[in-house]
Amino acid sequence: MEGDCLSCMKYLMFVFNFFIFLGGVCLLGLGIWVIVDPTGFREIVAVNPLLFTGAYILLAMGAMLFLLGFLGCCGAIRENKCLLLFFFMLILVIFLAELSAAILAYIFREHLTRDFFTKEVKMHYKGNNNTEVFSSTWNSVMITFGCCGVNGPEDFHEALYFKNWYPDDMVPEACCRREAQTRTGPFLSKEECLMGKELYQNRQGCYTVILNSFETYVYLAGALAIGVLAIELFAMIFAMCLFRGIQ
């Protein structure tokens, strides 16, 4: 009976580690997508260094879970006590790190609010300046998503640098509608757009457009993170049970 219980524990340990392995693959893929994605999410992340660092942390966590899942499966099948103990200690550290990251993300969530981005645009946006990271990033976002400002074109009426450098323009070029919504796409009418003709402008704010575009991915990432934490917790329990059961 004890042997059967140990065998069952071993295979359960293998199954949980296999799910950790799959979770690592998903996080690794998500991290790579955030960093290299050509549709504009990388530009959004790059606006805030904290978010950009978070993308690399996500990538590192995914790679580590990938490796740990693989090692955990090997430790369970071979019934190696040293490997199981090493696995338990490492996954405990990762579990605590992920839990801390989730708490910090919740605490600093106010940095992702509409008011925060609106304030940043009004204070730092410099129009068609492709050598300045903040402005070029926002230009890429507005062109990619076919949007204008955070809330809409009115954001640029109070943009300090933009109004000083472009006093005659109502909106930047990046807000103008194009036949193809790409950086090289021809304008419908650039002159009419800059003069304030709404027909030739992208009127919707980027905050709403981006939120709607990535809402599904945000919930998916949150559900995935909760699932990974739960799996890690069960894996640690099974690792200790299997460790104590091995003679």
Protein backbone atom coordinates (compact mmCIF):
# COMPACT_ATOMS: atom_id res chain seq x y z
CA MET A 1 0.00 0.00 0.00
CA GLU A 2 2.82 2.39 0.90
CA GLY A 3 4.57 1.57 -2.38
CA ASP A 4 1.41 2.27 -4.34
CA CYS A 5 0.96 5.59 -2.51
CA LEU A 6 4.56 6.57 -3.26
CA SER A 7 4.12 5.60 -6.90
CA CYS A 8 0.93 7.67 -7.11
CA MET A 9 2.71 10.61 -5.50
CA LYS A 10 5.56 10.28 -7.96
CA TYR A 11 3.28 10.45 -10.97
CA LEU A 12 1.26 13.30 -9.51
CA MET A 13 4.53 15.14 -8.95
CA PHE A 14 5.40 14.50 -12.58
CA VAL A 15 2.03 15.81 -13.77
CA PHE A 16 2.27 19.02 -11.71
CA ASN A 17 5.79 19.65 -12.94
CA PHE A 18 4.66 19.07 -16.47
CA PHE A 19 2.09 21.86 -15.98
CA ILE A 20 4.83 24.09 -14.53
CA PHE A 21 6.84 23.30 -17.66
CA LEU A 22 3.87 24.35 -19.85
CA GLY A 23 3.34 27.49 -17.74
CA GLY A 24 6.98 28.39 -18.27
CA VAL A 25 6.56 27.94 -22.01
CA CYS A 26 3.51 30.26 -21.99
CA LEU A 27 5.25 32.96 -19.93
CA LEU A 28 8.35 32.66 -22.11
CA GLY A 29 6.23 33.08 -25.23
CA LEU A 30 4.34 36.03 -23.73
CA GLY A 31 7.58 37.75 -22.72
CA ILE A 32 9.07 37.28 -26.19
CA TRP A 33 5.86 38.59 -27.80
CA VAL A 34 5.84 41.74 -25.63
CA ILE A 35 9.47 42.51 -26.52
CA VAL A 36 9.41 41.82 -30.27
CA ASP A 37 5.71 42.32 -31.14
CA PRO A 38 5.52 44.47 -34.32
CA THR A 39 1.96 45.74 -33.74
CA GLY A 40 2.92 48.38 -31.19
CA PHE A 41 2.72 46.81 -27.72
CA ARG A 42 6.49 47.10 -27.35
CA GLU A 43 6.22 50.86 -27.91
CA ILE A 44 3.58 51.13 -25.19
CA VAL A 45 5.77 49.24 -22.74
CA ALA A 46 8.82 51.31 -23.68
CA VAL A 47 7.09 54.51 -22.52
CA ASN A 48 7.58 53.40 -18.92
CA PRO A 49 10.98 51.91 -17.92
CA LEU A 50 9.28 50.03 -15.09
CA LEU A 51 7.03 48.21 -17.56
CA PHE A 52 9.91 47.56 -19.94
CA THR A 53 11.89 45.97 -17.09
CA GLY A 54 8.80 43.95 -16.19
CA ALA A 55 8.72 42.45 -19.69
CA TYR A 56 12.25 41.10 -19.24
CA ILE A 57 11.37 39.82 -15.77
CA LEU A 58 8.44 37.97 -17.33
CA LEU A 59 10.82 36.50 -19.89
CA ALA A 60 13.29 35.40 -17.20
CA MET A 61 10.52 33.88 -15.06
CA GLY A 62 9.23 31.93 -18.03
CA ALA A 63 12.69 30.55 -18.81
CA MET A 64 13.24 29.58 -15.17
CA LEU A 65 9.87 27.83 -14.88
CA PHE A 66 10.59 26.02 -18.13
CA LEU A 67 13.86 24.70 -16.67
CA LEU A 68 12.37 23.92 -13.24
CA GLY A 69 9.46 22.01 -14.72
CA PHE A 70 11.88 19.89 -16.68
CA LEU A 71 14.10 19.24 -13.64
CA GLY A 72 11.08 18.49 -11.44
CA CYS A 73 9.84 15.87 -13.88
CA CYS A 74 13.28 14.24 -13.90
CA GLY A 75 13.51 14.33 -10.09
CA ALA A 76 10.10 12.70 -9.68
CA ILE A 77 10.71 9.90 -12.16
CA ARG A 78 14.21 9.11 -10.83
CA GLU A 79 13.16 9.54 -7.16
CA ASN A 80 16.29 11.57 -6.41
CA LYS A 81 16.06 13.20 -2.96
CA CYS A 82 18.79 15.80 -3.60
CA LEU A 83 17.17 16.88 -6.85
CA LEU A 84 13.74 17.06 -5.19
CA LEU A 85 15.07 19.19 -2.31
CA PHE A 86 16.90 21.48 -4.74
CA PHE A 87 13.73 21.75 -6.81
CA PHE A 88 11.66 22.61 -3.73
CA MET A 89 14.02 25.41 -2.62
CA LEU A 90 14.19 26.97 -6.08
CA ILE A 91 10.48 26.87 -6.71
CA LEU A 92 9.85 28.36 -3.26
CA VAL A 93 12.08 31.33 -4.16
CA ILE A 94 10.29 31.76 -7.50
CA PHE A 95 6.88 31.48 -5.82
CA LEU A 96 7.74 34.23 -3.33
CA ALA A 97 9.23 36.42 -6.09
CA GLU A 98 6.11 36.08 -8.25
CA LEU A 99 3.86 36.80 -5.30
CA SER A 100 5.90 39.92 -4.47
CA ALA A 101 5.76 41.06 -8.10
CA ALA A 102 1.96 40.67 -8.13
CA ILE A 103 1.65 42.73 -4.95
CA LEU A 104 3.94 45.46 -6.35
CA ALA A 105 1.97 45.52 -9.62
CA TYR A 106 -1.22 46.07 -7.65
CA ILE A 107 0.36 48.80 -5.51
CA PHE A 108 1.76 50.71 -8.51
CA ARG A 109 -1.28 50.24 -10.75
CA GLU A 110 -1.99 53.99 -10.54
CA HIS A 111 0.94 54.57 -12.91
CA LEU A 112 -1.16 53.03 -15.68
CA THR A 113 -4.16 55.30 -15.30
CA ARG A 114 -5.59 57.60 -17.94
CA ASP A 115 -4.66 60.70 -15.90
CA PHE A 116 -1.03 59.59 -15.59
CA PHE A 117 -0.55 59.18 -19.36
CA THR A 118 -2.47 62.39 -20.09
CA LYS A 119 -0.16 64.34 -17.79
CA GLU A 120 2.93 62.76 -19.38
CA VAL A 121 1.80 63.62 -22.91
CA LYS A 122 0.98 67.22 -22.01
CA MET A 123 4.35 67.69 -20.30
CA HIS A 124 6.75 65.80 -22.57
CA TYR A 125 5.33 65.30 -26.07
CA LYS A 126 7.39 67.17 -28.72
CA GLY A 127 5.57 66.45 -31.97
CA ASN A 128 7.39 64.92 -34.93
CA ASN A 129 10.68 64.59 -33.07
CA ASN A 130 11.94 61.14 -34.07
CA THR A 131 15.15 61.47 -32.06
CA GLU A 132 13.36 61.83 -28.71
CA VAL A 133 12.19 58.49 -27.32
CA PHE A 134 8.97 59.60 -25.64
CA SER A 135 7.61 61.51 -28.66
CA SER A 136 8.66 58.95 -31.26
CA THR A 137 7.11 56.20 -29.16
CA TRP A 138 3.79 58.00 -28.91
CA ASN A 139 3.89 58.73 -32.65
CA SER A 140 4.35 55.01 -33.33
CA VAL A 141 1.47 54.12 -31.02
CA MET A 142 -0.90 56.69 -32.56
CA ILE A 143 -0.06 55.63 -36.11
CA THR A 144 -0.26 51.91 -35.36
CA PHE A 145 -3.60 52.04 -33.55
CA GLY A 146 -5.16 54.89 -35.52
CA CYS A 147 -5.75 56.99 -32.40
CA CYS A 148 -4.86 60.45 -31.14
CA GLY A 149 -3.53 61.44 -27.72
CA VAL A 150 -4.64 59.70 -24.56
CA ASN A 151 -8.25 60.91 -24.55
CA GLY A 152 -8.43 62.47 -28.00
CA PRO A 153 -7.04 65.38 -30.09
CA GLU A 154 -7.90 67.87 -27.34
CA ASP A 155 -4.95 66.57 -25.28
CA PHE A 156 -2.57 68.48 -27.55
CA HIS A 157 -4.30 71.82 -26.97
CA GLU A 158 -2.48 71.98 -23.64
CA ALA A 159 0.72 70.16 -24.62
CA LEU A 160 3.46 72.64 -23.67
CA TYR A 161 6.28 71.63 -26.03
CA PHE A 162 3.97 70.75 -28.91
CA LYS A 163 2.19 74.14 -28.91
CA ASN A 164 5.50 76.00 -28.61
CA TRP A 165 7.05 74.17 -31.55
CA TYR A 166 3.92 73.82 -33.70
CA PRO A 167 1.73 76.84 -32.82
CA ASP A 168 -0.32 76.62 -36.01
CA ASP A 169 -1.11 72.89 -35.82
CA MET A 170 -4.14 71.63 -33.93
CA VAL A 171 -2.81 68.05 -33.76
CA PRO A 172 0.47 66.30 -34.64
CA GLU A 173 0.93 64.49 -37.94
CA ALA A 174 0.60 61.13 -36.19
CA CYS A 175 -3.08 61.93 -35.51
CA CYS A 176 -3.91 62.39 -39.18
CA ARG A 177 -5.88 59.67 -40.94
CA ARG A 178 -4.09 57.66 -43.60
CA GLU A 179 -5.26 55.47 -46.45
CA ALA A 180 -3.28 52.62 -44.89
CA GLN A 181 -2.72 52.89 -41.13
CA THR A 182 1.06 52.56 -41.29
CA ARG A 183 3.94 55.03 -40.98
CA THR A 184 4.40 55.04 -44.76
CA GLY A 185 0.68 55.19 -45.57
CA PRO A 186 -0.38 58.32 -47.52
CA PHE A 187 -2.44 60.95 -45.65
CA LEU A 188 -6.05 61.54 -46.64
CA SER A 189 -5.30 65.26 -46.29
CA LYS A 190 -2.49 66.31 -44.02
CA GLU A 191 -3.16 70.03 -44.36
CA GLU A 192 -6.85 69.74 -43.51
CA CYS A 193 -5.99 67.51 -40.57
CA LEU A 194 -3.46 69.90 -39.05
CA MET A 195 -5.95 72.75 -39.47
CA GLY A 196 -8.39 70.88 -37.23
CA LYS A 197 -10.83 69.30 -39.72
CA GLU A 198 -12.23 66.33 -37.80
CA LEU A 199 -12.99 64.33 -40.93
CA TYR A 200 -9.27 63.90 -41.57
CA GLN A 201 -8.24 63.14 -37.95
CA ASN A 202 -8.23 60.02 -35.82
CA ARG A 203 -10.59 61.17 -33.10
CA GLN A 204 -10.52 58.30 -30.63
CA GLY A 205 -8.08 58.42 -27.71
CA CYS A 206 -5.32 55.83 -27.54
CA TYR A 207 -6.09 54.84 -23.96
CA THR A 208 -9.50 53.41 -24.88
CA VAL A 209 -8.26 51.83 -28.11
CA ILE A 210 -5.32 50.11 -26.43
CA LEU A 211 -7.37 49.03 -23.44
CA ASN A 212 -9.95 47.42 -25.73
CA SER A 213 -7.25 45.82 -27.88
CA PHE A 214 -5.38 44.19 -25.00
CA GLU A 215 -8.16 43.65 -22.45
CA THR A 216 -8.40 39.96 -23.36
CA TYR A 217 -4.62 39.52 -23.06
CA VAL A 218 -4.56 41.23 -19.64
CA TYR A 219 -7.21 38.88 -18.24
CA LEU A 220 -5.50 35.92 -19.87
CA ALA A 221 -2.15 36.89 -18.32
CA GLY A 222 -3.77 37.35 -14.91
CA ALA A 223 -5.52 33.98 -15.07
CA LEU A 224 -2.30 32.35 -16.23
CA ALA A 225 -0.34 33.89 -13.35
CA ILE A 226 -2.89 32.67 -10.77
CA GLY A 227 -2.83 29.21 -12.32
CA VAL A 228 0.97 29.06 -12.27
CA LEU A 229 1.09 30.11 -8.59
CA ALA A 230 -1.45 27.44 -7.65
CA ILE A 231 0.44 24.76 -9.58
CA GLU A 232 3.72 25.78 -7.97
CA LEU A 233 2.17 25.52 -4.50
CA PHE A 234 0.86 22.01 -5.15
CA ALA A 235 4.17 21.00 -6.72
CA MET A 236 6.04 22.04 -3.55
CA ILE A 237 3.63 20.01 -1.42
CA PHE A 238 4.05 16.92 -3.59
CA ALA A 239 7.83 17.39 -3.70
CA MET A 240 8.05 17.35 0.10
CA CYS A 241 5.70 14.36 0.38
CA LEU A 242 7.70 12.45 -2.20
CA PHE A 243 10.96 13.49 -0.53
CA ARG A 244 9.79 12.11 2.84
CA GLY A 245 8.46 8.92 1.24
CA ILE A 246 11.72 7.98 -0.49
CA GLN A 247 13.84 5.64 1.63
